[in-house]
N, C-alpha and C. Protein backbone atom coordinates (compact mmCIF):
# COMPACT_ATOMS: atom_id res chain seq x y z
N UNK A 1 0.85 -1.19 0.00
CA UNK A 1 0.00 0.00 0.00
C UNK A 1 0.89 1.24 0.00
N UNK A 2 0.56 2.16 -0.88
CA UNK A 2 1.32 3.41 -0.91
C UNK A 2 0.39 4.56 -0.56
N UNK A 3 1.01 5.65 -0.09
CA UNK A 3 0.26 6.87 0.16
C UNK A 3 0.09 7.60 -1.17
N UNK A 4 -1.14 7.95 -1.48
CA UNK A 4 -1.44 8.69 -2.69
C UNK A 4 -2.27 9.91 -2.30
N UNK A 5 -1.84 11.08 -2.75
CA UNK A 5 -2.56 12.31 -2.45
C UNK A 5 -2.95 12.98 -3.76
N UNK A 6 -4.19 13.43 -3.82
CA UNK A 6 -4.73 14.12 -4.98
C UNK A 6 -5.01 15.56 -4.57
N UNK A 7 -4.35 16.50 -5.22
CA UNK A 7 -4.52 17.91 -4.86
C UNK A 7 -5.29 18.67 -5.93
N UNK A 8 -6.26 19.43 -5.47
CA UNK A 8 -7.03 20.29 -6.36
C UNK A 8 -6.22 21.53 -6.72
N UNK A 9 -6.74 22.27 -7.66
CA UNK A 9 -6.11 23.52 -8.06
C UNK A 9 -6.88 24.70 -7.49
N UNK A 10 -6.80 25.81 -8.18
CA UNK A 10 -7.47 27.04 -7.78
C UNK A 10 -8.84 27.12 -8.45
N UNK A 11 -9.67 27.99 -7.95
CA UNK A 11 -10.96 28.26 -8.57
C UNK A 11 -11.27 29.73 -8.36
N UNK A 12 -12.31 30.20 -9.02
CA UNK A 12 -12.66 31.61 -8.81
C UNK A 12 -13.55 31.73 -7.57
N UNK A 13 -13.69 32.94 -7.10
CA UNK A 13 -14.40 33.21 -5.85
C UNK A 13 -15.87 32.82 -5.93
N UNK A 14 -16.49 33.08 -7.09
CA UNK A 14 -17.91 32.73 -7.24
C UNK A 14 -18.14 31.23 -7.11
N UNK A 15 -17.27 30.43 -7.71
CA UNK A 15 -17.40 28.98 -7.61
C UNK A 15 -17.17 28.52 -6.17
N UNK A 16 -16.16 29.08 -5.53
CA UNK A 16 -15.81 28.68 -4.17
C UNK A 16 -16.97 28.90 -3.19
N UNK A 17 -17.67 30.01 -3.33
CA UNK A 17 -18.73 30.35 -2.39
C UNK A 17 -20.13 29.95 -2.88
N UNK A 18 -20.22 29.25 -3.99
CA UNK A 18 -21.51 28.83 -4.51
C UNK A 18 -21.93 27.48 -3.94
N UNK A 19 -23.20 27.35 -3.58
CA UNK A 19 -23.75 26.07 -3.13
C UNK A 19 -23.91 25.10 -4.30
N UNK A 20 -23.81 25.61 -5.51
CA UNK A 20 -23.99 24.81 -6.72
C UNK A 20 -22.83 23.82 -6.93
N UNK A 21 -21.66 24.14 -6.39
CA UNK A 21 -20.47 23.31 -6.61
C UNK A 21 -19.98 22.69 -5.31
N UNK A 22 -19.44 21.46 -5.39
CA UNK A 22 -18.83 20.87 -4.20
C UNK A 22 -17.50 21.55 -3.87
N UNK A 23 -16.93 21.20 -2.74
CA UNK A 23 -15.61 21.75 -2.39
C UNK A 23 -14.60 21.30 -3.45
N UNK A 24 -13.52 22.06 -3.64
CA UNK A 24 -12.55 21.72 -4.68
C UNK A 24 -12.01 20.29 -4.60
N UNK A 25 -11.82 19.76 -3.40
CA UNK A 25 -11.28 18.41 -3.28
C UNK A 25 -12.30 17.31 -3.55
N UNK A 26 -13.56 17.70 -3.74
CA UNK A 26 -14.64 16.74 -3.97
C UNK A 26 -15.32 16.96 -5.31
N UNK A 27 -14.59 17.51 -6.26
CA UNK A 27 -15.18 17.89 -7.54
C UNK A 27 -14.46 17.17 -8.69
N UNK A 28 -15.05 17.25 -9.84
CA UNK A 28 -14.50 16.69 -11.09
C UNK A 28 -14.26 15.20 -10.93
N UNK A 29 -13.08 14.71 -11.23
CA UNK A 29 -12.75 13.29 -11.19
C UNK A 29 -12.13 12.85 -9.86
N UNK A 30 -11.95 13.77 -8.94
CA UNK A 30 -11.27 13.44 -7.68
C UNK A 30 -11.98 12.34 -6.88
N UNK A 31 -13.31 12.45 -6.61
CA UNK A 31 -13.95 11.38 -5.83
C UNK A 31 -13.89 10.02 -6.52
N UNK A 32 -14.11 10.00 -7.83
CA UNK A 32 -14.06 8.73 -8.57
C UNK A 32 -12.68 8.10 -8.44
N UNK A 33 -11.63 8.91 -8.66
CA UNK A 33 -10.27 8.40 -8.62
C UNK A 33 -9.92 7.91 -7.22
N UNK A 34 -10.28 8.69 -6.21
CA UNK A 34 -9.99 8.28 -4.83
C UNK A 34 -10.64 6.93 -4.52
N UNK A 35 -11.88 6.75 -4.92
CA UNK A 35 -12.59 5.49 -4.67
C UNK A 35 -11.88 4.32 -5.35
N UNK A 36 -11.44 4.50 -6.60
CA UNK A 36 -10.73 3.44 -7.31
C UNK A 36 -9.45 3.05 -6.58
N UNK A 37 -8.72 4.06 -6.11
CA UNK A 37 -7.45 3.80 -5.44
C UNK A 37 -7.65 3.17 -4.07
N UNK A 38 -8.69 3.57 -3.36
CA UNK A 38 -9.01 2.94 -2.08
C UNK A 38 -9.36 1.47 -2.28
N UNK A 39 -10.18 1.19 -3.31
CA UNK A 39 -10.56 -0.19 -3.59
C UNK A 39 -9.35 -1.04 -4.00
N UNK A 40 -8.33 -0.40 -4.55
CA UNK A 40 -7.12 -1.11 -4.94
C UNK A 40 -6.17 -1.31 -3.75
N UNK A 41 -6.56 -0.81 -2.56
CA UNK A 41 -5.78 -1.05 -1.35
C UNK A 41 -4.79 0.04 -0.98
N UNK A 42 -4.90 1.20 -1.61
CA UNK A 42 -3.98 2.29 -1.29
C UNK A 42 -4.60 3.25 -0.27
N UNK A 43 -3.74 3.94 0.46
CA UNK A 43 -4.18 5.03 1.32
C UNK A 43 -4.24 6.27 0.43
N UNK A 44 -5.44 6.71 0.11
CA UNK A 44 -5.59 7.84 -0.81
C UNK A 44 -6.39 8.95 -0.14
N UNK A 45 -5.83 10.14 -0.13
CA UNK A 45 -6.47 11.30 0.47
C UNK A 45 -6.57 12.42 -0.56
N UNK A 46 -7.60 13.23 -0.42
CA UNK A 46 -7.75 14.42 -1.26
C UNK A 46 -7.83 15.63 -0.32
N UNK A 47 -6.68 16.13 0.10
CA UNK A 47 -6.66 17.24 1.05
C UNK A 47 -7.40 18.47 0.52
N UNK A 48 -8.11 19.11 1.42
CA UNK A 48 -8.77 20.38 1.08
C UNK A 48 -7.82 21.49 1.50
N UNK A 49 -7.27 22.17 0.51
CA UNK A 49 -6.36 23.27 0.80
C UNK A 49 -7.15 24.55 0.94
N UNK A 50 -6.77 25.42 1.87
CA UNK A 50 -7.60 26.57 2.23
C UNK A 50 -7.74 27.61 1.12
N UNK A 51 -8.93 28.17 1.04
CA UNK A 51 -9.24 29.32 0.19
C UNK A 51 -8.67 29.17 -1.22
N UNK A 52 -9.15 28.19 -1.95
CA UNK A 52 -8.63 27.90 -3.30
C UNK A 52 -8.82 29.07 -4.26
N UNK A 53 -9.68 30.01 -3.93
CA UNK A 53 -9.90 31.17 -4.80
C UNK A 53 -8.82 32.24 -4.60
N UNK A 54 -8.09 32.16 -3.51
CA UNK A 54 -6.97 33.09 -3.27
C UNK A 54 -5.85 32.30 -2.58
N UNK A 55 -5.16 31.44 -3.35
CA UNK A 55 -4.17 30.55 -2.74
C UNK A 55 -3.01 31.29 -2.10
N UNK A 56 -2.61 30.78 -0.96
CA UNK A 56 -1.52 31.35 -0.19
C UNK A 56 -0.50 30.23 0.06
N UNK A 57 0.67 30.35 -0.55
CA UNK A 57 1.65 29.25 -0.48
C UNK A 57 2.01 28.86 0.96
N UNK A 58 2.38 29.78 1.84
CA UNK A 58 2.73 29.35 3.21
C UNK A 58 1.58 28.61 3.91
N UNK A 59 0.36 29.05 3.68
CA UNK A 59 -0.79 28.39 4.31
C UNK A 59 -1.02 27.00 3.71
N UNK A 60 -0.97 26.90 2.40
CA UNK A 60 -1.13 25.58 1.77
C UNK A 60 -0.02 24.64 2.22
N UNK A 61 1.20 25.15 2.30
CA UNK A 61 2.34 24.34 2.73
C UNK A 61 2.13 23.83 4.16
N UNK A 62 1.65 24.69 5.02
CA UNK A 62 1.41 24.31 6.42
C UNK A 62 0.38 23.18 6.50
N UNK A 63 -0.71 23.30 5.75
CA UNK A 63 -1.75 22.27 5.76
C UNK A 63 -1.22 20.97 5.15
N UNK A 64 -0.57 21.06 3.99
CA UNK A 64 -0.13 19.85 3.31
C UNK A 64 0.99 19.13 4.07
N UNK A 65 1.75 19.84 4.87
CA UNK A 65 2.87 19.22 5.60
C UNK A 65 2.40 18.19 6.63
N UNK A 66 1.11 18.16 6.93
CA UNK A 66 0.57 17.18 7.88
C UNK A 66 0.40 15.80 7.25
N UNK A 67 0.56 15.69 5.94
CA UNK A 67 0.39 14.42 5.26
C UNK A 67 1.76 13.77 5.05
N UNK A 68 1.94 12.54 5.55
CA UNK A 68 3.24 11.89 5.46
C UNK A 68 3.62 11.55 4.02
N UNK A 69 4.84 11.91 3.66
CA UNK A 69 5.37 11.65 2.32
C UNK A 69 6.68 10.88 2.47
N UNK A 70 6.84 9.85 1.63
CA UNK A 70 8.09 9.11 1.61
C UNK A 70 8.40 8.68 0.17
N UNK A 71 9.41 7.88 0.00
CA UNK A 71 9.87 7.49 -1.34
C UNK A 71 8.88 6.58 -2.06
N UNK A 72 7.82 6.16 -1.38
CA UNK A 72 6.80 5.32 -1.99
C UNK A 72 5.51 6.10 -2.28
N UNK A 73 5.53 7.40 -2.08
CA UNK A 73 4.34 8.24 -2.23
C UNK A 73 4.12 8.63 -3.69
N UNK A 74 2.85 8.67 -4.06
CA UNK A 74 2.44 9.16 -5.38
C UNK A 74 1.63 10.45 -5.16
N UNK A 75 2.04 11.51 -5.83
CA UNK A 75 1.33 12.79 -5.74
C UNK A 75 0.69 13.10 -7.09
N UNK A 76 -0.58 13.46 -7.04
CA UNK A 76 -1.34 13.81 -8.24
C UNK A 76 -1.91 15.20 -8.00
N UNK A 77 -1.81 16.05 -9.00
CA UNK A 77 -2.35 17.40 -8.83
C UNK A 77 -2.98 17.88 -10.13
N UNK A 78 -3.89 18.82 -9.96
CA UNK A 78 -4.58 19.43 -11.09
C UNK A 78 -4.27 20.92 -11.10
N UNK A 79 -3.95 21.44 -12.27
CA UNK A 79 -3.81 22.87 -12.53
C UNK A 79 -2.80 23.53 -11.59
N UNK A 80 -3.21 24.55 -10.83
CA UNK A 80 -2.23 25.24 -9.98
C UNK A 80 -1.78 24.38 -8.81
N UNK A 81 -2.51 23.29 -8.53
CA UNK A 81 -2.04 22.33 -7.54
C UNK A 81 -0.71 21.71 -7.95
N UNK A 82 -0.48 21.61 -9.27
CA UNK A 82 0.80 21.10 -9.78
C UNK A 82 1.94 22.05 -9.43
N UNK A 83 1.71 23.33 -9.69
CA UNK A 83 2.73 24.32 -9.34
C UNK A 83 3.03 24.32 -7.85
N UNK A 84 1.96 24.21 -7.05
CA UNK A 84 2.16 24.13 -5.60
C UNK A 84 3.04 22.94 -5.23
N UNK A 85 2.73 21.76 -5.78
CA UNK A 85 3.51 20.57 -5.42
C UNK A 85 4.97 20.69 -5.84
N UNK A 86 5.21 21.23 -7.01
CA UNK A 86 6.60 21.42 -7.44
C UNK A 86 7.35 22.33 -6.47
N UNK A 87 6.73 23.44 -6.12
CA UNK A 87 7.38 24.37 -5.19
C UNK A 87 7.57 23.70 -3.83
N UNK A 88 6.56 22.97 -3.37
CA UNK A 88 6.62 22.28 -2.08
C UNK A 88 7.76 21.25 -2.06
N UNK A 89 7.86 20.44 -3.12
CA UNK A 89 8.91 19.43 -3.16
C UNK A 89 10.30 20.06 -3.21
N UNK A 90 10.42 21.17 -3.91
CA UNK A 90 11.71 21.88 -3.93
C UNK A 90 12.05 22.42 -2.55
N UNK A 91 11.06 23.00 -1.88
CA UNK A 91 11.29 23.57 -0.55
C UNK A 91 11.63 22.52 0.50
N UNK A 92 10.98 21.37 0.41
CA UNK A 92 11.13 20.36 1.46
C UNK A 92 12.18 19.30 1.13
N UNK A 93 12.61 19.26 -0.13
CA UNK A 93 13.65 18.32 -0.56
C UNK A 93 13.25 16.87 -0.34
N UNK A 94 11.96 16.57 -0.46
CA UNK A 94 11.48 15.21 -0.24
C UNK A 94 11.58 14.38 -1.52
N UNK A 95 11.80 13.08 -1.34
CA UNK A 95 11.86 12.13 -2.44
C UNK A 95 10.53 11.39 -2.50
N UNK A 96 9.99 11.25 -3.73
CA UNK A 96 8.73 10.53 -3.91
C UNK A 96 8.85 9.54 -5.06
N UNK A 97 7.87 8.67 -5.16
CA UNK A 97 7.86 7.67 -6.23
C UNK A 97 7.35 8.27 -7.54
N UNK A 98 6.21 8.97 -7.49
CA UNK A 98 5.59 9.41 -8.73
C UNK A 98 4.90 10.75 -8.54
N UNK A 99 5.07 11.64 -9.53
CA UNK A 99 4.38 12.92 -9.57
C UNK A 99 3.60 12.96 -10.88
N UNK A 100 2.30 13.13 -10.77
CA UNK A 100 1.43 13.19 -11.94
C UNK A 100 0.75 14.56 -11.94
N UNK A 101 1.01 15.31 -13.02
CA UNK A 101 0.47 16.67 -13.14
C UNK A 101 -0.57 16.70 -14.27
N UNK A 102 -1.80 17.02 -13.91
CA UNK A 102 -2.90 17.08 -14.86
C UNK A 102 -3.17 18.55 -15.18
N UNK A 103 -3.01 18.92 -16.45
CA UNK A 103 -3.18 20.31 -16.89
C UNK A 103 -2.38 21.26 -15.99
N UNK A 104 -1.07 21.03 -15.88
CA UNK A 104 -0.27 21.82 -14.93
C UNK A 104 -0.25 23.31 -15.28
N UNK A 105 -0.39 24.10 -14.25
CA UNK A 105 -0.39 25.56 -14.39
C UNK A 105 0.61 26.14 -13.41
N UNK A 106 1.61 26.86 -13.95
CA UNK A 106 2.67 27.43 -13.12
C UNK A 106 2.55 28.95 -13.01
N UNK A 107 1.42 29.48 -13.42
CA UNK A 107 1.19 30.93 -13.38
C UNK A 107 2.26 31.69 -14.16
N UNK A 108 2.41 31.38 -15.45
CA UNK A 108 3.48 32.02 -16.23
C UNK A 108 3.34 33.53 -16.36
N UNK A 109 2.13 34.06 -16.19
CA UNK A 109 1.94 35.51 -16.30
C UNK A 109 1.78 36.19 -14.94
N UNK A 110 2.05 35.41 -13.87
CA UNK A 110 2.04 35.90 -12.49
C UNK A 110 0.72 36.59 -12.11
N UNK A 111 -0.37 35.95 -12.45
CA UNK A 111 -1.69 36.49 -12.12
C UNK A 111 -2.10 36.20 -10.68
N UNK A 112 -1.44 35.23 -10.05
CA UNK A 112 -1.74 34.89 -8.65
C UNK A 112 -0.51 35.05 -7.77
N UNK A 113 0.38 35.94 -8.17
CA UNK A 113 1.60 36.16 -7.39
C UNK A 113 1.22 36.61 -5.97
N UNK A 114 1.99 36.22 -4.99
CA UNK A 114 3.25 35.48 -5.03
C UNK A 114 3.11 33.97 -4.87
N UNK A 115 1.91 33.41 -5.06
CA UNK A 115 1.64 32.00 -4.81
C UNK A 115 2.66 31.08 -5.49
N UNK A 116 2.92 31.29 -6.75
CA UNK A 116 3.84 30.41 -7.47
C UNK A 116 5.08 31.16 -7.95
N UNK A 117 5.59 32.05 -7.12
CA UNK A 117 6.82 32.76 -7.44
C UNK A 117 8.02 31.85 -7.17
N UNK A 118 8.33 31.01 -8.14
CA UNK A 118 9.48 30.12 -8.06
C UNK A 118 9.79 29.66 -9.48
N UNK A 119 10.95 29.10 -9.66
CA UNK A 119 11.34 28.54 -10.95
C UNK A 119 11.58 27.05 -10.74
N UNK A 120 10.91 26.21 -11.53
CA UNK A 120 11.14 24.76 -11.38
C UNK A 120 12.62 24.42 -11.55
N UNK A 121 13.15 23.70 -10.60
CA UNK A 121 14.57 23.34 -10.60
C UNK A 121 14.79 21.98 -11.25
N UNK A 122 15.71 21.90 -12.21
CA UNK A 122 15.99 20.62 -12.87
C UNK A 122 16.41 19.53 -11.88
N UNK A 123 17.06 19.91 -10.78
CA UNK A 123 17.52 18.94 -9.78
C UNK A 123 16.37 18.17 -9.13
N UNK A 124 15.17 18.74 -9.18
CA UNK A 124 14.02 18.08 -8.58
C UNK A 124 13.78 16.72 -9.22
N UNK A 125 14.17 16.59 -10.47
CA UNK A 125 14.00 15.31 -11.17
C UNK A 125 14.72 14.18 -10.46
N UNK A 126 15.77 14.49 -9.70
CA UNK A 126 16.50 13.47 -8.95
C UNK A 126 15.72 12.98 -7.73
N UNK A 127 14.71 13.72 -7.31
CA UNK A 127 13.91 13.36 -6.13
C UNK A 127 12.64 12.60 -6.50
N UNK A 128 12.36 12.46 -7.80
CA UNK A 128 11.10 11.86 -8.24
C UNK A 128 11.40 10.75 -9.23
N UNK A 129 10.96 9.53 -8.90
CA UNK A 129 11.23 8.39 -9.76
C UNK A 129 10.55 8.55 -11.12
N UNK A 130 9.26 8.91 -11.14
CA UNK A 130 8.50 9.06 -12.38
C UNK A 130 7.74 10.38 -12.37
N UNK A 131 7.84 11.11 -13.47
CA UNK A 131 7.07 12.35 -13.65
C UNK A 131 6.19 12.18 -14.88
N UNK A 132 4.90 12.45 -14.71
CA UNK A 132 3.94 12.35 -15.81
C UNK A 132 3.19 13.67 -15.94
N UNK A 133 2.96 14.07 -17.18
CA UNK A 133 2.20 15.29 -17.48
C UNK A 133 1.05 14.91 -18.39
N UNK A 134 -0.17 15.27 -17.99
CA UNK A 134 -1.35 15.04 -18.81
C UNK A 134 -1.82 16.37 -19.37
N UNK A 135 -1.95 16.42 -20.69
CA UNK A 135 -2.28 17.68 -21.37
C UNK A 135 -3.29 17.39 -22.48
N UNK A 136 -4.27 18.26 -22.60
CA UNK A 136 -5.26 18.13 -23.67
C UNK A 136 -5.02 19.18 -24.74
N UNK A 137 -5.11 18.77 -25.99
CA UNK A 137 -4.86 19.68 -27.10
C UNK A 137 -5.89 20.81 -27.18
N UNK A 138 -7.04 20.63 -26.55
CA UNK A 138 -8.05 21.70 -26.53
C UNK A 138 -8.09 22.39 -25.16
N UNK A 139 -6.94 22.48 -24.51
CA UNK A 139 -6.82 23.13 -23.19
C UNK A 139 -7.49 24.50 -23.24
N UNK A 140 -8.26 24.81 -22.22
CA UNK A 140 -9.04 26.06 -22.19
C UNK A 140 -8.47 27.13 -21.27
N UNK A 141 -7.47 26.81 -20.48
CA UNK A 141 -6.92 27.77 -19.52
C UNK A 141 -5.61 28.35 -20.04
N UNK A 142 -5.57 29.66 -20.08
CA UNK A 142 -4.37 30.36 -20.54
C UNK A 142 -3.20 30.09 -19.59
N UNK A 143 -2.08 29.74 -20.17
CA UNK A 143 -0.87 29.51 -19.39
C UNK A 143 -0.53 28.05 -19.19
N UNK A 144 -1.48 27.14 -19.45
CA UNK A 144 -1.18 25.72 -19.26
C UNK A 144 -0.19 25.24 -20.32
N UNK A 145 -0.41 25.59 -21.58
CA UNK A 145 0.51 25.16 -22.65
C UNK A 145 1.92 25.66 -22.35
N UNK A 146 2.04 26.91 -21.93
CA UNK A 146 3.35 27.47 -21.59
C UNK A 146 3.97 26.72 -20.40
N UNK A 147 3.14 26.36 -19.44
CA UNK A 147 3.62 25.61 -18.27
C UNK A 147 4.11 24.22 -18.67
N UNK A 148 3.37 23.56 -19.54
CA UNK A 148 3.77 22.23 -20.01
C UNK A 148 5.12 22.33 -20.73
N UNK A 149 5.28 23.35 -21.56
CA UNK A 149 6.55 23.53 -22.27
C UNK A 149 7.71 23.72 -21.29
N UNK A 150 7.51 24.54 -20.26
CA UNK A 150 8.55 24.75 -19.24
C UNK A 150 8.89 23.43 -18.56
N UNK A 151 7.88 22.67 -18.19
CA UNK A 151 8.12 21.41 -17.49
C UNK A 151 8.86 20.40 -18.35
N UNK A 152 8.47 20.30 -19.62
CA UNK A 152 9.14 19.35 -20.51
C UNK A 152 10.59 19.76 -20.79
N UNK A 153 10.85 21.05 -20.81
CA UNK A 153 12.22 21.53 -20.99
C UNK A 153 13.07 21.38 -19.73
N UNK A 154 12.41 21.40 -18.57
CA UNK A 154 13.12 21.31 -17.29
C UNK A 154 13.35 19.86 -16.88
N UNK A 155 12.33 19.03 -17.06
CA UNK A 155 12.39 17.63 -16.62
C UNK A 155 12.45 16.71 -17.84
N UNK A 156 13.63 16.39 -18.25
CA UNK A 156 13.87 15.65 -19.50
C UNK A 156 13.27 14.25 -19.48
N UNK A 157 13.09 13.66 -18.31
CA UNK A 157 12.54 12.31 -18.22
C UNK A 157 11.03 12.28 -18.02
N UNK A 158 10.39 13.44 -18.01
CA UNK A 158 8.94 13.50 -17.84
C UNK A 158 8.24 12.84 -19.03
N UNK A 159 7.17 12.13 -18.72
CA UNK A 159 6.39 11.46 -19.77
C UNK A 159 5.14 12.28 -20.04
N UNK A 160 4.94 12.65 -21.30
CA UNK A 160 3.78 13.45 -21.69
C UNK A 160 2.68 12.53 -22.21
N UNK A 161 1.47 12.72 -21.67
CA UNK A 161 0.28 11.98 -22.11
C UNK A 161 -0.67 13.03 -22.70
N UNK A 162 -0.90 12.95 -24.00
CA UNK A 162 -1.70 13.95 -24.69
C UNK A 162 -3.10 13.42 -24.98
N UNK A 163 -4.08 14.29 -24.76
CA UNK A 163 -5.49 13.98 -25.02
C UNK A 163 -6.02 14.97 -26.04
N UNK A 164 -7.11 14.62 -26.68
CA UNK A 164 -7.65 15.50 -27.72
C UNK A 164 -8.81 16.36 -27.24
N UNK A 165 -9.71 15.83 -26.44
CA UNK A 165 -10.92 16.58 -26.08
C UNK A 165 -11.23 16.52 -24.58
N UNK A 166 -10.26 16.89 -23.77
CA UNK A 166 -10.46 16.90 -22.32
C UNK A 166 -10.40 18.31 -21.73
N UNK A 167 -10.13 19.31 -22.56
CA UNK A 167 -10.08 20.69 -22.08
C UNK A 167 -9.12 20.84 -20.92
N UNK A 168 -9.61 21.42 -19.83
CA UNK A 168 -8.80 21.60 -18.62
C UNK A 168 -9.02 20.45 -17.63
N UNK A 169 -9.53 19.34 -18.14
CA UNK A 169 -9.79 18.14 -17.34
C UNK A 169 -10.78 18.42 -16.21
N UNK A 170 -11.79 19.23 -16.51
CA UNK A 170 -12.85 19.52 -15.56
C UNK A 170 -14.11 18.75 -15.99
N UNK A 171 -15.02 18.56 -15.07
CA UNK A 171 -16.23 17.77 -15.31
C UNK A 171 -17.00 18.25 -16.53
N UNK A 172 -17.21 19.55 -16.65
CA UNK A 172 -18.02 20.05 -17.77
C UNK A 172 -17.34 19.81 -19.12
N UNK A 173 -16.03 19.77 -19.17
CA UNK A 173 -15.32 19.55 -20.44
C UNK A 173 -15.13 18.06 -20.74
N UNK A 174 -14.94 17.26 -19.71
CA UNK A 174 -14.75 15.83 -19.91
C UNK A 174 -16.09 15.10 -20.07
N UNK A 175 -17.12 15.64 -19.43
CA UNK A 175 -18.44 15.02 -19.52
C UNK A 175 -18.62 13.80 -18.64
N UNK A 176 -17.66 13.53 -17.78
CA UNK A 176 -17.72 12.37 -16.90
C UNK A 176 -16.81 12.58 -15.69
N UNK A 177 -17.15 11.91 -14.59
CA UNK A 177 -16.28 11.92 -13.42
C UNK A 177 -15.21 10.84 -13.50
N UNK A 178 -15.44 9.84 -14.33
CA UNK A 178 -14.48 8.75 -14.48
C UNK A 178 -13.29 9.21 -15.30
N UNK A 179 -12.11 8.80 -14.88
CA UNK A 179 -10.88 9.18 -15.56
C UNK A 179 -9.96 7.96 -15.58
N UNK A 180 -10.36 6.91 -16.32
CA UNK A 180 -9.58 5.66 -16.32
C UNK A 180 -8.17 5.82 -16.87
N UNK A 181 -7.96 6.77 -17.78
CA UNK A 181 -6.61 6.96 -18.30
C UNK A 181 -5.64 7.41 -17.21
N UNK A 182 -6.12 8.26 -16.31
CA UNK A 182 -5.28 8.70 -15.19
C UNK A 182 -5.03 7.54 -14.23
N UNK A 183 -6.05 6.75 -13.96
CA UNK A 183 -5.88 5.59 -13.10
C UNK A 183 -4.82 4.65 -13.67
N UNK A 184 -4.82 4.48 -14.97
CA UNK A 184 -3.82 3.61 -15.62
C UNK A 184 -2.41 4.15 -15.44
N UNK A 185 -2.23 5.48 -15.53
CA UNK A 185 -0.91 6.08 -15.32
C UNK A 185 -0.45 5.85 -13.88
N UNK A 186 -1.36 6.01 -12.95
CA UNK A 186 -1.01 5.81 -11.53
C UNK A 186 -0.58 4.37 -11.27
N UNK A 187 -1.32 3.44 -11.83
CA UNK A 187 -1.07 2.03 -11.56
C UNK A 187 0.11 1.46 -12.36
N UNK A 188 0.58 2.18 -13.36
CA UNK A 188 1.67 1.65 -14.20
C UNK A 188 3.00 1.67 -13.47
């Protein structure tokens, strides 16, 4: 059994405070994926990071530091959650088994500064056995394509998984909560 953590990204303030949407950690494909991983015998958590509409790196770091990470851990993140995990792993110098970034967003235009004010370090690749990037050719969020390019140039061993019609990998664009392709990457 390995520890697997699924991290949500950012959202806008209207979505965060609307009764129409679940909390960020309980939305899109997260609950489906967590259930699959639990049934497979893994310890899988989807931490709720505070105030996803106005992310604060020190606060997110404080909350996430309560989750045990070791060389057998798999980390999965969506959107700005990917940028957070990269910064967190650089700051803490932890070694993990697998990092999977879905529609990674590193805030290339600094719209949420200082949340992701860092530069991905090539040395981080030495702390992660496997790095996977999932990207859709019809990505709808500005800055994701640029972020993917930065990651592929920084982490030479990263594996890119390209999709055609998944947008930003959100429920409304995918049309389903099931994400078997991601489950396959995790289990590989």
